[in-house]
Amino acid sequence: MKKNIFIAILFSIVTLVSFSSCESDDDYIVRSGLYCDFLATSNNKGFFSSNGGGSYSFRDLPDLGYGDIIGMEYRGTSLTITGDIREGDVIRDLYISVQGVGEFLYASDIKVYEDFEKIIFNTSNDPEFYNFMNDAMYKFYRDGRINIVVDGYVTNRQGTSISNVEMEIYLDSSLDVTIRR
């Protein structure tokens, strides 16, 4: 009798272990990111705005759909400003706005030291920028879309507005995306 109980318990344990190992987990994590590029031209007051006009795409996962994303962890963002900016120009009151998150004054004055300079900032050395972009990426994860506006003014060092300056602005956010296929 005891031998039969022992065999029944052993059989039950083997059966449970066998079925639990048959489970398939199709979730996996991919390092990707949200890449936004904006083009804007300053008006006669020096004001420029992306006004939501930009492209938003997941790098490395071109066929990724909103329903495929089941988790996301924000890693950081780089902000790149370039274009027809010249030595002596100053980019003033550079704001990043995300509908549903708010506005972030990135910098009140960014001096341009050479023609067509490529100015790069990173969240790794700016905790406030990191927190703002983390909130923006969480909104993107939650809603499946995001509207980012980047705006500011271009002036000379004396504060006189400069019109018709073509600006190129890039936001590149690194994400670990958990997807299900």
N, C-alpha and C. Protein backbone atom coordinates (compact mmCIF):
# COMPACT_ATOMS: atom_id res chain seq x y z
N MET A 1 0.82 -1.20 0.00
CA MET A 1 0.00 0.00 0.00
C MET A 1 0.86 1.26 0.00
N LYS A 2 1.90 1.29 0.89
CA LYS A 2 2.78 2.45 0.95
C LYS A 2 3.54 2.61 -0.35
N LYS A 3 3.89 1.48 -0.97
CA LYS A 3 4.61 1.53 -2.23
C LYS A 3 3.73 2.17 -3.32
N ASN A 4 2.44 1.85 -3.35
CA ASN A 4 1.53 2.44 -4.33
C ASN A 4 1.36 3.95 -4.12
N ILE A 5 1.28 4.37 -2.86
CA ILE A 5 1.16 5.81 -2.58
C ILE A 5 2.43 6.53 -3.02
N PHE A 6 3.59 5.94 -2.72
CA PHE A 6 4.86 6.54 -3.12
C PHE A 6 4.94 6.66 -4.65
N ILE A 7 4.53 5.63 -5.37
CA ILE A 7 4.55 5.66 -6.84
C ILE A 7 3.56 6.70 -7.36
N ALA A 8 2.39 6.81 -6.75
CA ALA A 8 1.39 7.79 -7.17
C ALA A 8 1.90 9.22 -6.96
N ILE A 9 2.56 9.46 -5.81
CA ILE A 9 3.11 10.79 -5.54
C ILE A 9 4.24 11.10 -6.52
N LEU A 10 5.11 10.14 -6.75
CA LEU A 10 6.22 10.33 -7.69
C LEU A 10 5.68 10.60 -9.10
N PHE A 11 4.67 9.84 -9.51
CA PHE A 11 4.06 10.05 -10.82
C PHE A 11 3.44 11.46 -10.92
N SER A 12 2.78 11.91 -9.85
CA SER A 12 2.17 13.25 -9.85
C SER A 12 3.23 14.34 -9.98
N ILE A 13 4.33 14.20 -9.27
CA ILE A 13 5.40 15.20 -9.34
C ILE A 13 6.00 15.24 -10.73
N VAL A 14 6.28 14.08 -11.30
CA VAL A 14 6.85 14.02 -12.65
C VAL A 14 5.89 14.63 -13.66
N THR A 15 4.61 14.37 -13.52
CA THR A 15 3.60 14.92 -14.43
C THR A 15 3.55 16.45 -14.32
N LEU A 16 3.54 16.97 -13.11
CA LEU A 16 3.50 18.43 -12.92
C LEU A 16 4.74 19.10 -13.51
N VAL A 17 5.90 18.54 -13.26
CA VAL A 17 7.14 19.11 -13.79
C VAL A 17 7.14 19.05 -15.31
N SER A 18 6.66 17.97 -15.88
CA SER A 18 6.62 17.84 -17.34
C SER A 18 5.72 18.89 -17.97
N PHE A 19 4.53 19.09 -17.41
CA PHE A 19 3.61 20.06 -18.01
C PHE A 19 4.08 21.50 -17.81
N SER A 20 4.70 21.79 -16.69
CA SER A 20 5.17 23.16 -16.49
C SER A 20 6.32 23.49 -17.43
N SER A 21 7.09 22.52 -17.85
CA SER A 21 8.19 22.79 -18.78
C SER A 21 7.70 22.90 -20.22
N CYS A 22 6.46 22.53 -20.49
CA CYS A 22 5.92 22.64 -21.84
C CYS A 22 5.43 24.05 -22.14
N GLU A 23 5.33 24.87 -21.12
CA GLU A 23 4.81 26.22 -21.31
C GLU A 23 5.74 27.02 -22.22
N SER A 24 5.17 27.74 -23.14
CA SER A 24 5.95 28.54 -24.07
C SER A 24 5.81 30.01 -23.72
N ASP A 25 6.93 30.71 -23.64
CA ASP A 25 6.92 32.13 -23.33
C ASP A 25 7.48 32.87 -24.53
N ASP A 26 6.61 33.58 -25.25
CA ASP A 26 7.02 34.26 -26.47
C ASP A 26 7.44 35.71 -26.23
N ASP A 27 7.49 36.15 -24.97
CA ASP A 27 7.89 37.52 -24.67
C ASP A 27 9.40 37.64 -24.77
N TYR A 28 9.87 38.75 -25.32
CA TYR A 28 11.30 39.00 -25.30
C TYR A 28 11.56 40.49 -25.31
N ILE A 29 12.74 40.86 -24.85
CA ILE A 29 13.11 42.26 -24.72
C ILE A 29 14.05 42.63 -25.85
N VAL A 30 13.77 43.77 -26.46
CA VAL A 30 14.58 44.28 -27.56
C VAL A 30 14.99 45.71 -27.21
N ARG A 31 16.26 46.01 -27.38
CA ARG A 31 16.72 47.40 -27.20
C ARG A 31 16.33 48.16 -28.45
N SER A 32 15.54 49.18 -28.29
CA SER A 32 15.08 49.98 -29.42
C SER A 32 14.95 51.42 -28.95
N GLY A 33 14.14 52.18 -29.62
CA GLY A 33 13.94 53.55 -29.19
C GLY A 33 12.95 54.29 -30.05
N LEU A 34 12.52 55.41 -29.54
CA LEU A 34 11.65 56.30 -30.28
C LEU A 34 12.53 57.41 -30.84
N TYR A 35 12.49 57.55 -32.14
CA TYR A 35 13.31 58.54 -32.82
C TYR A 35 12.39 59.57 -33.45
N CYS A 36 12.55 60.83 -33.06
CA CYS A 36 11.73 61.91 -33.59
C CYS A 36 12.64 62.93 -34.26
N ASP A 37 12.31 63.31 -35.47
CA ASP A 37 13.08 64.38 -36.11
C ASP A 37 12.12 65.48 -36.54
N PHE A 38 12.57 66.72 -36.34
CA PHE A 38 11.74 67.89 -36.60
C PHE A 38 12.50 68.86 -37.49
N LEU A 39 11.78 69.48 -38.38
CA LEU A 39 12.33 70.57 -39.19
C LEU A 39 11.48 71.80 -38.91
N ALA A 40 12.14 72.92 -38.69
CA ALA A 40 11.41 74.16 -38.42
C ALA A 40 12.22 75.33 -38.97
N THR A 41 11.52 76.38 -39.36
CA THR A 41 12.16 77.60 -39.85
C THR A 41 11.72 78.77 -38.98
N SER A 42 12.68 79.57 -38.55
CA SER A 42 12.34 80.70 -37.68
C SER A 42 11.59 81.77 -38.46
N ASN A 43 10.61 82.39 -37.80
CA ASN A 43 9.83 83.46 -38.44
C ASN A 43 10.53 84.81 -38.23
N ASN A 44 9.84 85.91 -38.55
CA ASN A 44 10.48 87.23 -38.47
C ASN A 44 10.78 87.67 -37.04
N LYS A 45 10.24 86.97 -36.05
CA LYS A 45 10.56 87.26 -34.65
C LYS A 45 11.59 86.27 -34.11
N GLY A 46 12.11 85.42 -35.00
CA GLY A 46 13.10 84.44 -34.58
C GLY A 46 12.51 83.17 -34.00
N PHE A 47 11.17 83.11 -33.91
CA PHE A 47 10.51 81.95 -33.31
C PHE A 47 10.48 80.78 -34.28
N PHE A 48 10.79 79.60 -33.76
CA PHE A 48 10.64 78.37 -34.55
C PHE A 48 9.88 77.35 -33.72
N SER A 49 9.14 76.48 -34.40
CA SER A 49 8.37 75.46 -33.71
C SER A 49 8.20 74.26 -34.61
N SER A 50 8.40 73.08 -34.03
CA SER A 50 8.13 71.85 -34.79
C SER A 50 6.64 71.65 -34.94
N ASN A 51 5.86 72.22 -34.01
CA ASN A 51 4.40 72.17 -34.04
C ASN A 51 3.87 70.77 -34.29
N GLY A 52 4.50 69.79 -33.69
CA GLY A 52 4.06 68.41 -33.85
C GLY A 52 4.43 67.82 -35.19
N GLY A 53 5.05 68.60 -36.04
CA GLY A 53 5.43 68.11 -37.37
C GLY A 53 6.74 67.38 -37.30
N GLY A 54 6.68 66.10 -37.22
CA GLY A 54 7.89 65.29 -37.17
C GLY A 54 7.53 63.86 -37.43
N SER A 55 8.51 63.03 -37.55
CA SER A 55 8.21 61.61 -37.75
C SER A 55 8.56 60.87 -36.47
N TYR A 56 7.74 59.91 -36.12
CA TYR A 56 7.91 59.13 -34.91
C TYR A 56 7.98 57.67 -35.32
N SER A 57 9.08 57.01 -35.02
CA SER A 57 9.19 55.61 -35.42
C SER A 57 10.03 54.86 -34.41
N PHE A 58 9.75 53.57 -34.27
CA PHE A 58 10.60 52.71 -33.46
C PHE A 58 11.76 52.26 -34.31
N ARG A 59 12.98 52.54 -33.84
CA ARG A 59 14.17 52.06 -34.52
C ARG A 59 14.25 50.55 -34.37
N ASP A 60 14.77 49.90 -35.37
CA ASP A 60 15.09 48.47 -35.36
C ASP A 60 13.87 47.56 -35.37
N LEU A 61 12.68 48.08 -35.22
CA LEU A 61 11.47 47.26 -35.21
C LEU A 61 10.43 47.88 -36.13
N PRO A 62 10.67 47.90 -37.43
CA PRO A 62 9.78 48.63 -38.32
C PRO A 62 8.36 48.08 -38.39
N ASP A 63 8.16 46.80 -38.11
CA ASP A 63 6.82 46.22 -38.22
C ASP A 63 6.14 46.08 -36.85
N LEU A 64 6.65 46.79 -35.87
CA LEU A 64 6.10 46.71 -34.53
C LEU A 64 4.78 47.46 -34.44
N GLY A 65 3.77 46.80 -33.91
CA GLY A 65 2.47 47.43 -33.70
C GLY A 65 2.25 47.71 -32.22
N TYR A 66 1.34 48.64 -31.93
CA TYR A 66 1.08 49.03 -30.55
C TYR A 66 0.68 47.82 -29.70
N GLY A 67 -0.10 46.91 -30.25
CA GLY A 67 -0.54 45.74 -29.50
C GLY A 67 0.56 44.76 -29.18
N ASP A 68 1.70 44.86 -29.87
CA ASP A 68 2.82 43.97 -29.62
C ASP A 68 3.61 44.36 -28.38
N ILE A 69 3.51 45.61 -27.95
CA ILE A 69 4.29 46.10 -26.81
C ILE A 69 3.58 45.71 -25.52
N ILE A 70 4.28 44.96 -24.66
CA ILE A 70 3.68 44.59 -23.38
C ILE A 70 4.48 45.14 -22.20
N GLY A 71 5.55 45.85 -22.48
CA GLY A 71 6.34 46.47 -21.42
C GLY A 71 7.41 47.36 -22.03
N MET A 72 7.85 48.34 -21.26
CA MET A 72 8.87 49.23 -21.78
C MET A 72 9.64 49.84 -20.61
N GLU A 73 10.96 49.92 -20.75
CA GLU A 73 11.79 50.58 -19.75
C GLU A 73 12.61 51.65 -20.44
N TYR A 74 12.50 52.86 -19.94
CA TYR A 74 13.20 54.02 -20.51
C TYR A 74 14.66 54.00 -20.09
N ARG A 75 15.57 54.28 -21.03
CA ARG A 75 17.01 54.27 -20.77
C ARG A 75 17.65 55.65 -20.87
N GLY A 76 17.12 56.55 -21.68
CA GLY A 76 17.71 57.88 -21.81
C GLY A 76 17.41 58.49 -23.17
N THR A 77 17.70 59.78 -23.31
CA THR A 77 17.42 60.52 -24.54
C THR A 77 18.59 61.42 -24.87
N SER A 78 18.87 61.52 -26.16
CA SER A 78 19.79 62.56 -26.62
C SER A 78 18.99 63.56 -27.46
N LEU A 79 19.32 64.83 -27.31
CA LEU A 79 18.71 65.93 -28.04
C LEU A 79 19.79 66.53 -28.91
N THR A 80 19.58 66.56 -30.22
CA THR A 80 20.55 67.12 -31.15
C THR A 80 19.91 68.29 -31.89
N ILE A 81 20.62 69.40 -31.93
CA ILE A 81 20.16 70.59 -32.65
C ILE A 81 21.23 70.94 -33.68
N THR A 82 20.81 71.12 -34.90
CA THR A 82 21.72 71.53 -35.97
C THR A 82 20.91 72.30 -37.01
N GLY A 83 21.48 72.50 -38.16
CA GLY A 83 20.77 73.22 -39.22
C GLY A 83 21.58 74.41 -39.68
N ASP A 84 20.86 75.44 -40.10
CA ASP A 84 21.49 76.63 -40.67
C ASP A 84 21.84 77.64 -39.57
N ILE A 85 22.34 77.14 -38.46
CA ILE A 85 22.74 78.02 -37.37
C ILE A 85 24.19 78.46 -37.60
N ARG A 86 24.49 79.67 -37.17
CA ARG A 86 25.81 80.27 -37.44
C ARG A 86 26.50 80.68 -36.15
N GLU A 87 27.81 80.80 -36.25
CA GLU A 87 28.59 81.29 -35.12
C GLU A 87 28.01 82.63 -34.66
N GLY A 88 27.80 82.76 -33.36
CA GLY A 88 27.22 83.99 -32.82
C GLY A 88 25.72 83.92 -32.59
N ASP A 89 25.04 82.94 -33.20
CA ASP A 89 23.61 82.76 -32.95
C ASP A 89 23.42 82.26 -31.51
N VAL A 90 22.24 82.52 -30.99
CA VAL A 90 21.86 82.00 -29.68
C VAL A 90 20.46 81.41 -29.81
N ILE A 91 20.30 80.18 -29.36
CA ILE A 91 18.98 79.56 -29.31
C ILE A 91 18.44 79.84 -27.92
N ARG A 92 17.33 80.54 -27.86
CA ARG A 92 16.78 80.97 -26.57
C ARG A 92 15.46 80.27 -26.28
N ASP A 93 15.22 80.06 -24.99
CA ASP A 93 13.96 79.49 -24.51
C ASP A 93 13.57 78.24 -25.29
N LEU A 94 14.45 77.26 -25.30
CA LEU A 94 14.18 75.99 -25.99
C LEU A 94 13.26 75.14 -25.10
N TYR A 95 12.03 74.99 -25.55
CA TYR A 95 11.03 74.21 -24.83
C TYR A 95 10.76 72.90 -25.55
N ILE A 96 10.54 71.86 -24.76
CA ILE A 96 10.04 70.58 -25.27
C ILE A 96 8.68 70.40 -24.61
N SER A 97 7.64 70.23 -25.41
CA SER A 97 6.28 70.08 -24.89
C SER A 97 5.71 68.74 -25.34
N VAL A 98 5.07 68.07 -24.41
CA VAL A 98 4.40 66.80 -24.71
C VAL A 98 2.98 66.91 -24.19
N GLN A 99 2.03 66.77 -25.11
CA GLN A 99 0.62 66.87 -24.74
C GLN A 99 0.31 65.81 -23.69
N GLY A 100 -0.26 66.24 -22.57
CA GLY A 100 -0.59 65.32 -21.50
C GLY A 100 0.52 65.15 -20.47
N VAL A 101 1.71 65.69 -20.75
CA VAL A 101 2.83 65.63 -19.81
C VAL A 101 3.19 67.03 -19.33
N GLY A 102 3.26 67.98 -20.26
CA GLY A 102 3.58 69.36 -19.92
C GLY A 102 4.71 69.92 -20.75
N GLU A 103 5.26 71.02 -20.28
CA GLU A 103 6.36 71.70 -20.97
C GLU A 103 7.63 71.57 -20.13
N PHE A 104 8.76 71.51 -20.82
CA PHE A 104 10.04 71.48 -20.15
C PHE A 104 10.94 72.51 -20.80
N LEU A 105 11.41 73.48 -20.01
CA LEU A 105 12.37 74.47 -20.52
C LEU A 105 13.73 73.81 -20.48
N TYR A 106 14.19 73.39 -21.65
CA TYR A 106 15.48 72.70 -21.68
C TYR A 106 16.61 73.67 -21.39
N ALA A 107 16.61 74.80 -22.06
CA ALA A 107 17.67 75.78 -21.84
C ALA A 107 17.16 77.16 -22.18
N SER A 108 17.59 78.14 -21.38
CA SER A 108 17.20 79.51 -21.70
C SER A 108 18.13 80.11 -22.75
N ASP A 109 19.39 79.72 -22.77
CA ASP A 109 20.35 80.21 -23.78
C ASP A 109 21.30 79.08 -24.18
N ILE A 110 21.37 78.82 -25.48
CA ILE A 110 22.35 77.88 -26.04
C ILE A 110 23.15 78.65 -27.07
N LYS A 111 24.42 78.87 -26.79
CA LYS A 111 25.26 79.65 -27.70
C LYS A 111 25.82 78.75 -28.79
N VAL A 112 25.86 79.30 -30.00
CA VAL A 112 26.41 78.59 -31.16
C VAL A 112 27.82 79.13 -31.39
N TYR A 113 28.80 78.23 -31.40
CA TYR A 113 30.20 78.64 -31.49
C TYR A 113 30.82 78.46 -32.87
N GLU A 114 30.14 77.72 -33.75
CA GLU A 114 30.65 77.57 -35.12
C GLU A 114 29.49 77.38 -36.09
N ASP A 115 29.71 77.74 -37.34
CA ASP A 115 28.68 77.60 -38.36
C ASP A 115 28.25 76.13 -38.49
N PHE A 116 26.95 75.92 -38.62
CA PHE A 116 26.35 74.60 -38.82
C PHE A 116 26.71 73.63 -37.69
N GLU A 117 26.92 74.16 -36.51
CA GLU A 117 27.31 73.33 -35.36
C GLU A 117 26.24 72.29 -35.07
N LYS A 118 26.68 71.14 -34.60
CA LYS A 118 25.77 70.08 -34.15
C LYS A 118 25.88 70.07 -32.62
N ILE A 119 24.81 70.51 -31.97
CA ILE A 119 24.79 70.63 -30.51
C ILE A 119 24.05 69.42 -29.96
N ILE A 120 24.70 68.68 -29.07
CA ILE A 120 24.11 67.45 -28.54
C ILE A 120 24.04 67.52 -27.02
N PHE A 121 22.86 67.19 -26.49
CA PHE A 121 22.64 67.11 -25.05
C PHE A 121 22.14 65.71 -24.73
N ASN A 122 22.38 65.27 -23.50
CA ASN A 122 21.99 63.92 -23.11
C ASN A 122 21.37 63.93 -21.72
N THR A 123 20.41 63.04 -21.50
CA THR A 123 19.75 62.97 -20.19
C THR A 123 20.67 62.42 -19.11
N SER A 124 21.78 61.79 -19.49
CA SER A 124 22.65 61.18 -18.48
C SER A 124 23.24 62.21 -17.52
N ASN A 125 23.36 63.46 -17.95
CA ASN A 125 23.90 64.48 -17.05
C ASN A 125 22.87 65.56 -16.72
N ASP A 126 21.59 65.25 -16.89
CA ASP A 126 20.53 66.22 -16.59
C ASP A 126 19.31 65.47 -16.03
N PRO A 127 19.23 65.30 -14.71
CA PRO A 127 18.14 64.52 -14.12
C PRO A 127 16.75 65.06 -14.41
N GLU A 128 16.59 66.38 -14.50
CA GLU A 128 15.27 66.95 -14.79
C GLU A 128 14.82 66.59 -16.21
N PHE A 129 15.74 66.67 -17.17
CA PHE A 129 15.44 66.28 -18.55
C PHE A 129 15.12 64.79 -18.60
N TYR A 130 15.89 63.98 -17.87
CA TYR A 130 15.64 62.53 -17.82
C TYR A 130 14.23 62.25 -17.31
N ASN A 131 13.85 62.87 -16.20
CA ASN A 131 12.53 62.63 -15.61
C ASN A 131 11.40 63.06 -16.55
N PHE A 132 11.57 64.21 -17.20
CA PHE A 132 10.55 64.68 -18.15
C PHE A 132 10.39 63.69 -19.30
N MET A 133 11.50 63.26 -19.89
CA MET A 133 11.43 62.33 -21.02
C MET A 133 10.95 60.95 -20.57
N ASN A 134 11.26 60.54 -19.35
CA ASN A 134 10.74 59.29 -18.83
C ASN A 134 9.21 59.36 -18.76
N ASP A 135 8.68 60.48 -18.28
CA ASP A 135 7.22 60.66 -18.25
C ASP A 135 6.63 60.64 -19.66
N ALA A 136 7.33 61.27 -20.61
CA ALA A 136 6.86 61.29 -22.00
C ALA A 136 6.84 59.88 -22.60
N MET A 137 7.88 59.09 -22.33
CA MET A 137 7.93 57.73 -22.87
C MET A 137 6.89 56.84 -22.20
N TYR A 138 6.61 57.07 -20.92
CA TYR A 138 5.56 56.32 -20.26
C TYR A 138 4.21 56.63 -20.90
N LYS A 139 3.99 57.91 -21.23
CA LYS A 139 2.74 58.29 -21.92
C LYS A 139 2.67 57.60 -23.28
N PHE A 140 3.79 57.55 -23.98
CA PHE A 140 3.82 56.87 -25.28
C PHE A 140 3.46 55.39 -25.11
N TYR A 141 4.03 54.75 -24.11
CA TYR A 141 3.73 53.34 -23.84
C TYR A 141 2.25 53.16 -23.49
N ARG A 142 1.73 54.03 -22.66
CA ARG A 142 0.34 53.92 -22.20
C ARG A 142 -0.67 54.19 -23.32
N ASP A 143 -0.40 55.23 -24.15
CA ASP A 143 -1.37 55.67 -25.15
C ASP A 143 -1.12 55.13 -26.55
N GLY A 144 0.11 54.67 -26.82
CA GLY A 144 0.43 54.16 -28.15
C GLY A 144 0.78 55.24 -29.15
N ARG A 145 0.79 56.48 -28.72
CA ARG A 145 1.18 57.59 -29.61
C ARG A 145 1.63 58.74 -28.72
N ILE A 146 2.31 59.68 -29.36
CA ILE A 146 2.82 60.82 -28.61
C ILE A 146 2.94 62.01 -29.54
N ASN A 147 2.68 63.19 -29.03
CA ASN A 147 2.84 64.42 -29.79
C ASN A 147 3.87 65.28 -29.07
N ILE A 148 5.03 65.45 -29.70
CA ILE A 148 6.11 66.24 -29.12
C ILE A 148 6.28 67.51 -29.94
N VAL A 149 6.36 68.65 -29.26
CA VAL A 149 6.62 69.93 -29.92
C VAL A 149 7.90 70.51 -29.32
N VAL A 150 8.81 70.91 -30.18
CA VAL A 150 10.04 71.58 -29.75
C VAL A 150 10.01 72.98 -30.35
N ASP A 151 10.18 73.99 -29.50
CA ASP A 151 10.19 75.36 -30.02
C ASP A 151 11.15 76.24 -29.24
N GLY A 152 11.42 77.40 -29.81
CA GLY A 152 12.33 78.35 -29.19
C GLY A 152 12.52 79.55 -30.10
N TYR A 153 13.55 80.31 -29.84
CA TYR A 153 13.87 81.51 -30.61
C TYR A 153 15.33 81.46 -31.04
N VAL A 154 15.61 82.03 -32.21
CA VAL A 154 16.98 82.20 -32.68
C VAL A 154 17.26 83.70 -32.73
N THR A 155 18.32 84.11 -32.03
CA THR A 155 18.72 85.52 -32.02
C THR A 155 20.23 85.59 -32.19
N ASN A 156 20.73 86.81 -32.35
CA ASN A 156 22.17 86.99 -32.26
C ASN A 156 22.51 87.22 -30.78
N ARG A 157 23.77 87.42 -30.47
CA ARG A 157 24.16 87.56 -29.06
C ARG A 157 23.60 88.82 -28.41
N GLN A 158 23.24 89.82 -29.21
CA GLN A 158 22.65 91.04 -28.67
C GLN A 158 21.14 90.89 -28.45
N GLY A 159 20.55 89.78 -28.89
CA GLY A 159 19.13 89.53 -28.69
C GLY A 159 18.25 89.90 -29.86
N THR A 160 18.84 90.31 -30.99
CA THR A 160 18.06 90.64 -32.18
C THR A 160 17.61 89.35 -32.87
N SER A 161 16.33 89.28 -33.20
CA SER A 161 15.76 88.09 -33.85
C SER A 161 16.40 87.82 -35.20
N ILE A 162 16.54 86.54 -35.52
CA ILE A 162 17.06 86.13 -36.83
C ILE A 162 15.97 85.29 -37.49
N SER A 163 15.54 85.71 -38.68
CA SER A 163 14.48 84.98 -39.38
C SER A 163 15.07 84.04 -40.42
N ASN A 164 14.22 83.12 -40.87
CA ASN A 164 14.54 82.16 -41.94
C ASN A 164 15.72 81.25 -41.63
N VAL A 165 15.90 80.91 -40.36
CA VAL A 165 16.92 79.94 -39.98
C VAL A 165 16.26 78.56 -39.98
N GLU A 166 16.77 77.67 -40.80
CA GLU A 166 16.22 76.31 -40.85
C GLU A 166 16.88 75.48 -39.75
N MET A 167 16.03 74.95 -38.88
CA MET A 167 16.49 74.18 -37.72
C MET A 167 16.18 72.71 -37.94
N GLU A 168 17.11 71.86 -37.54
CA GLU A 168 16.89 70.42 -37.51
C GLU A 168 17.06 69.99 -36.06
N ILE A 169 16.04 69.33 -35.53
CA ILE A 169 16.06 68.91 -34.13
C ILE A 169 15.73 67.43 -34.08
N TYR A 170 16.56 66.69 -33.35
CA TYR A 170 16.39 65.24 -33.25
C TYR A 170 16.31 64.85 -31.78
N LEU A 171 15.30 64.07 -31.45
CA LEU A 171 15.18 63.45 -30.13
C LEU A 171 15.29 61.95 -30.33
N ASP A 172 16.25 61.34 -29.66
CA ASP A 172 16.47 59.91 -29.80
C ASP A 172 16.42 59.28 -28.41
N SER A 173 15.33 58.57 -28.12
CA SER A 173 15.14 57.98 -26.80
C SER A 173 15.40 56.48 -26.86
N SER A 174 16.28 56.00 -25.99
CA SER A 174 16.59 54.57 -25.91
C SER A 174 15.62 53.88 -24.97
N LEU A 175 15.11 52.76 -25.43
CA LEU A 175 14.11 52.00 -24.67
C LEU A 175 14.43 50.52 -24.73
N ASP A 176 14.13 49.82 -23.65
CA ASP A 176 14.07 48.36 -23.69
C ASP A 176 12.60 48.03 -23.81
N VAL A 177 12.22 47.46 -24.94
CA VAL A 177 10.82 47.18 -25.24
C VAL A 177 10.58 45.69 -25.09
N THR A 178 9.60 45.32 -24.27
CA THR A 178 9.19 43.93 -24.15
C THR A 178 8.04 43.73 -25.11
N ILE A 179 8.23 42.79 -26.03
CA ILE A 179 7.20 42.56 -27.05
C ILE A 179 6.78 41.10 -27.04
N ARG A 180 5.60 40.87 -27.54
CA ARG A 180 5.07 39.51 -27.67
C ARG A 180 4.81 39.27 -29.14
N ARG A 181 5.30 38.20 -29.63
CA ARG A 181 5.09 37.83 -31.04
C ARG A 181 4.39 36.52 -31.14
